[in-house]
Amino acid sequence: MKVSINGICIKGISSCIPKNQLDLKDLSKQFGELEVERIIKSTGIEKIRIADEGTCASDLCASAANYLMSETHLNPNEIDGLIFVSETPDYIIPATSVILQHKLGLPTSSVVFDINYGCSGYIYGLYLASLLVSSKSCKNVLLLVGDVITPFVNKLDRSLRMILGDAGSASIISEGDEKFSFHIYSDGSGFQALMIPAGSARLPKNDKTSVPIERENGNYRSDEDILMNGLDVFNFAIKEAPKSILEVLNQHGWNKDDVQLYGLHQPNFLIIDFIRKKLKLQFDVIPVAMHDTGNTGPASIPLMLTLEHNNLKEQNRLEKVILCGFGIGLSCASVALSLQSTKITNPIIYEEGLV
């Protein structure tokens, strides 16, 4: 799917991360010093952020939202749409977006809904928020994107224990003078590459699903833990992300060298570097910013922007931007846009009772 949407802008972007950090070197005793060093070298991840027990993605997103509304001088009464994008909702039912509408003090006339998406979820959320604004259904849409995924990672699964982290983000999409061009690609034939098999309608929890067993390469997990076929996800990403980026460049009328910033989902250094090489891009146009946070799933793109925005603004690299997310589903989504006038804040640290 390719489409361009006019008359919109991203007013602001913020992020919120847990205060707890796990230094991967602290896992050397469990997994071996050489294995930990190998993971750090190949992924570029040195530390991951881990939420406290009982802290949800909605808590991180709500903190980011309150901070962003304050920074952009936008009153909750002026927000008439809310989209919550996450793989880790508060409950199976009801939708977390409804809970957030009440928690944040948004009008009861607001349209609110959830999207169950991961790595490409920020772009999907931008697409739907842009449709709401461009259709005049809403004036200001609060896009909340994040995961608290670490509770679903088995502590004996070194393949994911040293990669996945927790974060939340908030963006405000409003009426404006910008044009966004989107390209979206979905391939459900690969859905088993990244999933939690048990716990919902297809495979309800039972006595067997919670028992960890040895899997590939000595990793342990239960069917209630997240699993990833790393090779399948890697091959999908390096094949489809470059194609999606080229499609959206063509849709938007830009040349590859026109773009000042390629803001990619931040799974690990290896995947980002492969995509960079396939597109024949220089290092400086693709920030790598997961070394102190880990792969934060759907929040990784806005988190990267908040971590890097001071340098990006100083270097005047926010006028012509491509954002691209890829992974779970399997899915890939890209957008061409400008962030030149967007208020991007530094990340905030989550504190209990902040919301």
Protein backbone atom coordinates (compact mmCIF):
# COMPACT_ATOMS: atom_id res chain seq x y z
CA MET A 1 0.00 0.00 0.00
CA LYS A 2 1.27 3.47 -0.95
CA VAL A 3 -0.45 6.75 -0.15
CA SER A 4 0.35 10.42 0.49
CA ILE A 5 -1.61 12.44 3.05
CA ASN A 6 -1.66 16.24 3.10
CA GLY A 7 -2.48 18.90 5.67
CA ILE A 8 -0.85 17.37 8.74
CA CYS A 9 2.20 17.64 10.99
CA ILE A 10 3.79 16.04 14.02
CA LYS A 11 3.54 18.72 16.68
CA GLY A 12 5.71 16.95 19.22
CA ILE A 13 7.48 13.72 20.22
CA SER A 14 8.51 12.56 23.70
CA SER A 15 9.62 9.33 25.33
CA CYS A 16 9.75 7.74 28.78
CA ILE A 17 12.10 5.00 29.94
CA PRO A 18 12.32 3.01 33.20
CA LYS A 19 15.02 3.97 35.68
CA ASN A 20 16.30 0.38 35.96
CA GLN A 21 19.16 -0.66 33.69
CA LEU A 22 20.62 -4.11 33.23
CA ASP A 23 24.29 -4.05 32.25
CA LEU A 24 24.80 -7.05 29.99
CA LYS A 25 28.24 -7.63 31.48
CA ASP A 26 26.44 -8.55 34.71
CA LEU A 27 25.16 -11.64 32.88
CA SER A 28 28.66 -12.96 32.21
CA LYS A 29 28.47 -15.39 35.10
CA GLN A 30 25.19 -16.83 33.80
CA PHE A 31 25.89 -16.98 30.06
CA GLY A 32 29.66 -16.80 29.93
CA GLU A 33 31.92 -13.81 29.36
CA LEU A 34 32.72 -14.70 25.74
CA GLU A 35 29.02 -15.10 24.84
CA VAL A 36 28.10 -11.77 26.41
CA GLU A 37 30.96 -10.03 24.62
CA ARG A 38 29.83 -11.60 21.34
CA ILE A 39 26.27 -10.35 21.81
CA ILE A 40 27.43 -6.84 22.69
CA LYS A 41 29.72 -6.69 19.66
CA SER A 42 27.14 -7.97 17.17
CA THR A 43 24.11 -6.06 18.49
CA GLY A 44 25.68 -2.87 19.78
CA ILE A 45 23.54 -3.25 22.91
CA GLU A 46 25.37 -2.81 26.21
CA LYS A 47 22.47 -2.14 28.59
CA ILE A 48 18.70 -2.61 28.53
CA ARG A 49 15.94 -0.74 30.33
CA ILE A 50 13.66 -2.83 32.53
CA ALA A 51 10.38 -1.62 34.04
CA ASP A 52 9.53 -2.34 37.67
CA GLU A 53 7.08 -5.15 38.34
CA GLY A 54 3.56 -3.78 37.90
CA THR A 55 4.61 -0.95 35.58
CA CYS A 56 2.85 -1.19 32.22
CA ALA A 57 3.52 0.26 28.80
CA SER A 58 0.53 2.52 29.36
CA ASP A 59 2.23 4.02 32.44
CA LEU A 60 5.35 4.92 30.46
CA CYS A 61 3.25 6.29 27.59
CA ALA A 62 1.01 8.32 29.90
CA SER A 63 4.05 9.94 31.54
CA ALA A 64 5.46 10.80 28.12
CA ALA A 65 2.05 12.18 27.07
CA ASN A 66 1.65 14.45 30.09
CA TYR A 67 5.16 15.78 29.62
CA LEU A 68 4.63 16.37 25.91
CA MET A 69 1.30 18.15 26.39
CA SER A 70 3.02 20.45 28.88
CA GLU A 71 5.95 21.10 26.56
CA THR A 72 3.69 21.85 23.57
CA HIS A 73 1.23 23.89 25.69
CA LEU A 74 -1.63 21.67 24.60
CA ASN A 75 -4.54 21.13 26.97
CA PRO A 76 -6.02 17.61 27.26
CA ASN A 77 -9.37 19.11 26.23
CA GLU A 78 -7.81 19.91 22.86
CA ILE A 79 -7.01 16.25 22.17
CA ASP A 80 -9.87 14.53 20.32
CA GLY A 81 -8.16 11.27 19.31
CA LEU A 82 -5.92 8.72 21.01
CA ILE A 83 -4.19 5.68 19.49
CA PHE A 84 -2.36 3.23 21.73
CA VAL A 85 0.11 0.98 19.87
CA SER A 86 1.52 -1.87 21.94
CA GLU A 87 2.00 -5.63 22.15
CA THR A 88 1.64 -5.42 25.94
CA PRO A 89 -1.75 -3.90 26.84
CA ASP A 90 -2.97 -3.58 30.42
CA TYR A 91 -5.61 -6.27 29.93
CA ILE A 92 -6.90 -8.61 27.22
CA ILE A 93 -10.09 -6.56 27.51
CA PRO A 94 -10.94 -3.67 27.69
CA ALA A 95 -8.83 -1.62 25.30
CA THR A 96 -6.01 0.22 27.08
CA SER A 97 -6.75 3.35 25.03
CA VAL A 98 -10.04 3.80 26.88
CA ILE A 99 -8.23 3.61 30.22
CA LEU A 100 -5.69 6.15 28.98
CA GLN A 101 -8.44 8.52 27.80
CA HIS A 102 -9.72 8.69 31.38
CA LYS A 103 -6.27 8.76 33.01
CA LEU A 104 -5.07 11.64 30.83
CA GLY A 105 -8.30 13.64 31.15
CA LEU A 106 -9.19 13.60 27.45
CA PRO A 107 -12.77 14.47 26.46
CA THR A 108 -15.26 11.60 26.44
CA SER A 109 -16.07 12.61 22.85
CA SER A 110 -12.56 11.51 21.78
CA VAL A 111 -12.14 8.58 19.40
CA VAL A 112 -9.74 6.08 21.00
CA PHE A 113 -8.54 2.62 20.02
CA ASP A 114 -5.67 0.12 20.37
CA ILE A 115 -3.36 -1.34 17.72
CA ASN A 116 -1.59 -4.60 18.54
CA TYR A 117 1.70 -4.04 16.72
CA GLY A 118 5.39 -4.13 17.49
CA CYS A 119 8.44 -3.14 15.47
CA SER A 120 6.57 -1.35 12.64
CA GLY A 121 3.85 -0.07 14.99
CA TYR A 122 4.98 3.55 15.17
CA ILE A 123 4.56 4.00 11.41
CA TYR A 124 1.18 2.22 11.46
CA GLY A 125 0.10 4.56 14.24
CA LEU A 126 1.28 7.63 12.31
CA TYR A 127 -0.67 6.44 9.29
CA LEU A 128 -3.95 6.04 11.18
CA ALA A 129 -3.47 9.28 13.14
CA SER A 130 -2.81 11.11 9.85
CA LEU A 131 -6.03 9.71 8.37
CA LEU A 132 -8.02 10.93 11.37
CA VAL A 133 -6.59 14.44 11.09
CA SER A 134 -6.67 14.74 7.29
CA SER A 135 -10.31 13.58 7.19
CA LYS A 136 -11.19 16.35 9.69
CA SER A 137 -12.39 13.71 12.15
CA CYS A 138 -9.84 15.01 14.69
CA LYS A 139 -7.74 18.11 15.17
CA ASN A 140 -5.13 16.63 17.51
CA VAL A 141 -4.38 12.92 17.88
CA LEU A 142 -2.25 11.60 20.73
CA LEU A 143 -0.24 8.62 19.48
CA LEU A 144 1.07 6.53 22.37
CA VAL A 145 3.50 3.78 21.40
CA GLY A 146 5.41 1.44 23.68
CA ASP A 147 5.99 -1.97 25.22
CA VAL A 148 6.90 -3.46 28.56
CA ILE A 149 8.12 -6.70 27.04
CA THR A 150 10.76 -7.84 29.55
CA PRO A 151 8.27 -9.78 31.76
CA PHE A 152 7.65 -12.02 28.74
CA VAL A 153 11.34 -12.82 28.24
CA ASN A 154 12.51 -15.99 29.96
CA LYS A 155 15.57 -15.24 32.08
CA LEU A 156 17.24 -18.38 30.68
CA ASP A 157 16.74 -17.29 27.06
CA ARG A 158 20.00 -15.54 26.25
CA SER A 159 18.88 -14.90 22.66
CA LEU A 160 16.33 -12.32 23.90
CA ARG A 161 17.40 -11.58 27.48
CA MET A 162 20.26 -9.43 26.20
CA ILE A 163 18.27 -7.64 23.49
CA LEU A 164 14.74 -6.55 24.48
CA GLY A 165 14.02 -3.51 26.66
CA ASP A 166 11.05 -1.44 27.83
CA ALA A 167 10.02 2.10 26.81
CA GLY A 168 7.03 4.29 26.00
CA SER A 169 6.51 7.32 23.79
CA ALA A 170 4.01 10.01 22.90
CA SER A 171 3.53 11.96 19.67
CA ILE A 172 0.92 14.57 18.76
CA ILE A 173 -0.34 14.60 15.18
CA SER A 174 -2.20 17.77 14.23
CA GLU A 175 -3.47 19.84 11.34
CA GLY A 176 -0.59 21.45 9.46
CA ASP A 177 1.06 22.16 6.14
CA GLU A 178 3.06 18.95 5.72
CA LYS A 179 2.67 15.97 3.40
CA PHE A 180 3.39 12.44 4.65
CA SER A 181 4.01 9.62 2.19
CA PHE A 182 3.53 6.06 3.44
CA HIS A 183 4.45 2.60 2.22
CA ILE A 184 3.11 -0.41 4.16
CA TYR A 185 3.85 -4.09 3.57
CA SER A 186 2.39 -7.07 5.45
CA ASP A 187 3.31 -10.76 5.16
CA GLY A 188 1.44 -12.90 7.67
CA SER A 189 2.99 -16.10 6.32
CA GLY A 190 5.88 -15.35 8.69
CA PHE A 191 3.81 -14.72 11.82
CA GLN A 192 5.52 -17.52 13.76
CA ALA A 193 8.93 -15.87 13.52
CA LEU A 194 8.21 -13.55 16.45
CA MET A 195 5.40 -14.36 18.85
CA ILE A 196 4.12 -15.46 22.26
CA PRO A 197 2.38 -18.76 21.44
CA ALA A 198 0.21 -19.25 24.55
CA GLY A 199 -2.11 -17.08 26.58
CA SER A 200 -4.94 -16.11 24.27
CA ALA A 201 -7.74 -17.79 22.31
CA ARG A 202 -5.69 -19.94 19.91
CA LEU A 203 -3.67 -21.56 22.71
CA PRO A 204 -5.03 -20.77 26.19
CA LYS A 205 -2.70 -21.11 29.16
CA ASN A 206 -2.58 -24.56 30.75
CA ASP A 207 -0.33 -26.61 33.02
CA LYS A 208 2.11 -27.31 30.18
CA THR A 209 2.37 -23.86 28.59
CA SER A 210 4.11 -22.31 31.62
CA VAL A 211 6.89 -24.93 31.83
CA PRO A 212 10.24 -23.79 30.36
CA ILE A 213 11.98 -26.38 28.21
CA GLU A 214 15.25 -26.36 26.33
CA ARG A 215 14.94 -24.95 22.83
CA GLU A 216 17.48 -24.19 20.10
CA ASN A 217 21.12 -23.56 21.06
CA GLY A 218 20.51 -24.24 24.74
CA ASN A 219 17.96 -21.45 25.22
CA TYR A 220 15.09 -22.11 27.63
CA ARG A 221 11.57 -20.71 27.46
CA SER A 222 7.94 -21.69 27.91
CA ASP A 223 5.09 -21.21 25.45
CA GLU A 224 4.06 -18.19 27.53
CA ASP A 225 7.40 -16.49 26.81
CA ILE A 226 8.27 -14.51 23.72
CA LEU A 227 10.16 -16.39 21.01
CA MET A 228 12.04 -15.13 17.99
CA ASN A 229 13.46 -16.90 14.98
CA GLY A 230 16.29 -14.45 14.59
CA LEU A 231 17.37 -15.61 11.14
CA ASP A 232 13.86 -15.28 9.67
CA VAL A 233 13.41 -11.80 11.13
CA PHE A 234 16.88 -10.77 9.97
CA ASN A 235 16.29 -11.98 6.40
CA PHE A 236 12.90 -10.26 6.24
CA ALA A 237 14.31 -6.97 7.53
CA ILE A 238 17.27 -6.73 5.19
CA LYS A 239 15.10 -7.70 2.21
CA GLU A 240 11.95 -5.65 2.79
CA ALA A 241 13.14 -2.53 4.63
CA PRO A 242 15.34 -1.26 1.76
CA LYS A 243 12.54 -1.91 -0.75
CA SER A 244 10.03 -0.08 1.43
CA ILE A 245 12.35 2.89 1.82
CA LEU A 246 12.90 3.11 -1.94
CA GLU A 247 9.14 2.88 -2.55
CA VAL A 248 8.40 5.75 -0.20
CA LEU A 249 11.20 7.85 -1.67
CA ASN A 250 9.62 7.45 -5.09
CA GLN A 251 6.16 8.17 -3.68
CA HIS A 252 7.38 11.39 -2.07
CA GLY A 253 9.48 12.54 -5.02
CA TRP A 254 12.83 12.48 -3.22
CA ASN A 255 16.16 11.07 -4.31
CA LYS A 256 18.02 8.83 -1.90
CA ASP A 257 20.71 11.46 -1.29
CA ASP A 258 18.11 14.17 -0.57
CA VAL A 259 17.27 12.55 2.77
CA GLN A 260 19.06 13.96 5.81
CA LEU A 261 17.91 11.30 8.27
CA TYR A 262 16.93 7.65 7.93
CA GLY A 263 15.30 6.85 11.26
CA LEU A 264 15.09 3.06 11.46
CA HIS A 265 13.61 0.72 14.02
CA GLN A 266 16.41 -0.10 16.43
CA PRO A 267 16.63 -3.92 16.75
CA ASN A 268 20.42 -4.18 16.75
CA PHE A 269 23.47 -2.74 15.02
CA LEU A 270 23.89 -5.71 12.67
CA ILE A 271 20.48 -5.33 10.98
CA ILE A 272 20.75 -1.55 10.72
CA ASP A 273 24.20 -1.81 9.16
CA PHE A 274 23.03 -4.41 6.62
CA ILE A 275 20.19 -2.11 5.56
CA ARG A 276 22.60 0.81 5.33
CA LYS A 277 24.93 -1.18 3.09
CA LYS A 278 22.11 -2.37 0.82
CA LEU A 279 21.00 1.23 0.34
CA LYS A 280 24.64 2.38 -0.05
CA LEU A 281 24.24 5.07 2.60
CA GLN A 282 26.82 6.79 4.78
CA PHE A 283 27.00 6.03 8.51
CA ASP A 284 26.01 9.53 9.59
CA VAL A 285 22.49 9.46 8.07
CA ILE A 286 21.32 6.42 10.11
CA PRO A 287 21.60 6.89 13.88
CA VAL A 288 22.17 3.82 16.05
CA ALA A 289 20.82 4.55 19.51
CA MET A 290 19.93 1.35 21.32
CA HIS A 291 23.21 0.73 23.15
CA ASP A 292 21.84 1.89 26.55
CA THR A 293 18.19 0.84 26.09
CA GLY A 294 18.01 -2.37 24.07
CA ASN A 295 15.47 -3.07 21.34
CA THR A 296 12.33 -1.31 22.61
CA GLY A 297 10.04 -2.59 19.85
CA PRO A 298 7.40 -0.10 18.69
CA ALA A 299 8.89 2.68 20.83
CA SER A 300 12.36 2.41 19.29
CA ILE A 301 11.90 5.01 16.53
CA PRO A 302 10.46 7.82 18.69
CA LEU A 303 12.93 6.91 21.46
CA MET A 304 15.81 7.21 19.00
CA LEU A 305 14.53 10.61 17.90
CA THR A 306 14.37 11.89 21.48
CA LEU A 307 17.84 10.54 22.23
CA GLU A 308 19.39 12.05 19.10
CA HIS A 309 17.32 15.18 18.50
CA ASN A 310 19.82 17.72 19.82
CA ASN A 311 22.51 16.56 17.40
CA LEU A 312 20.02 16.19 14.56
CA LYS A 313 18.69 19.71 15.06
CA GLU A 314 22.17 21.19 15.39
CA GLN A 315 23.20 19.48 12.13
CA ASN A 316 19.97 20.59 10.38
CA ARG A 317 18.96 16.99 9.61
CA LEU A 318 15.24 17.08 10.39
CA GLU A 319 13.80 18.65 7.24
CA LYS A 320 13.83 15.57 4.98
CA VAL A 321 13.29 12.39 7.00
CA ILE A 322 12.49 8.76 6.27
CA LEU A 323 11.25 6.59 9.16
CA CYS A 324 11.05 2.81 8.73
CA GLY A 325 9.88 0.04 11.06
CA PHE A 326 10.10 -3.69 10.36
CA GLY A 327 9.65 -7.01 12.12
CA ILE A 328 6.78 -8.71 13.91
CA GLY A 329 3.92 -9.84 11.74
CA LEU A 330 5.94 -9.99 9.57
CA SER A 331 5.48 -6.36 8.56
CA CYS A 332 7.34 -3.33 7.26
CA ALA A 333 6.25 0.31 7.07
CA SER A 334 7.96 3.54 6.00
CA VAL A 335 7.04 7.22 5.89
CA ALA A 336 8.62 10.30 4.32
CA LEU A 337 8.03 13.51 6.25
CA SER A 338 9.55 16.60 7.82
CA LEU A 339 10.32 17.00 11.53
CA GLN A 340 11.78 20.47 11.12
CA SER A 341 9.03 22.15 13.16
CA THR A 342 8.41 19.26 15.56
CA LYS A 343 9.01 19.79 19.27
CA ILE A 344 11.19 16.82 20.24
CA THR A 345 12.05 16.47 23.92
CA ASN A 346 14.75 14.61 25.81
CA PRO A 347 13.64 11.25 27.26
CA ILE A 348 12.20 11.34 30.77
CA ILE A 349 12.73 8.69 33.45
CA TYR A 350 9.60 7.02 34.75
CA GLU A 351 8.77 7.54 38.40
CA GLU A 352 6.03 5.66 40.25
CA GLY A 353 3.03 7.93 40.83
CA LEU A 354 4.13 10.39 38.15
CA VAL A 355 0.77 9.99 36.36
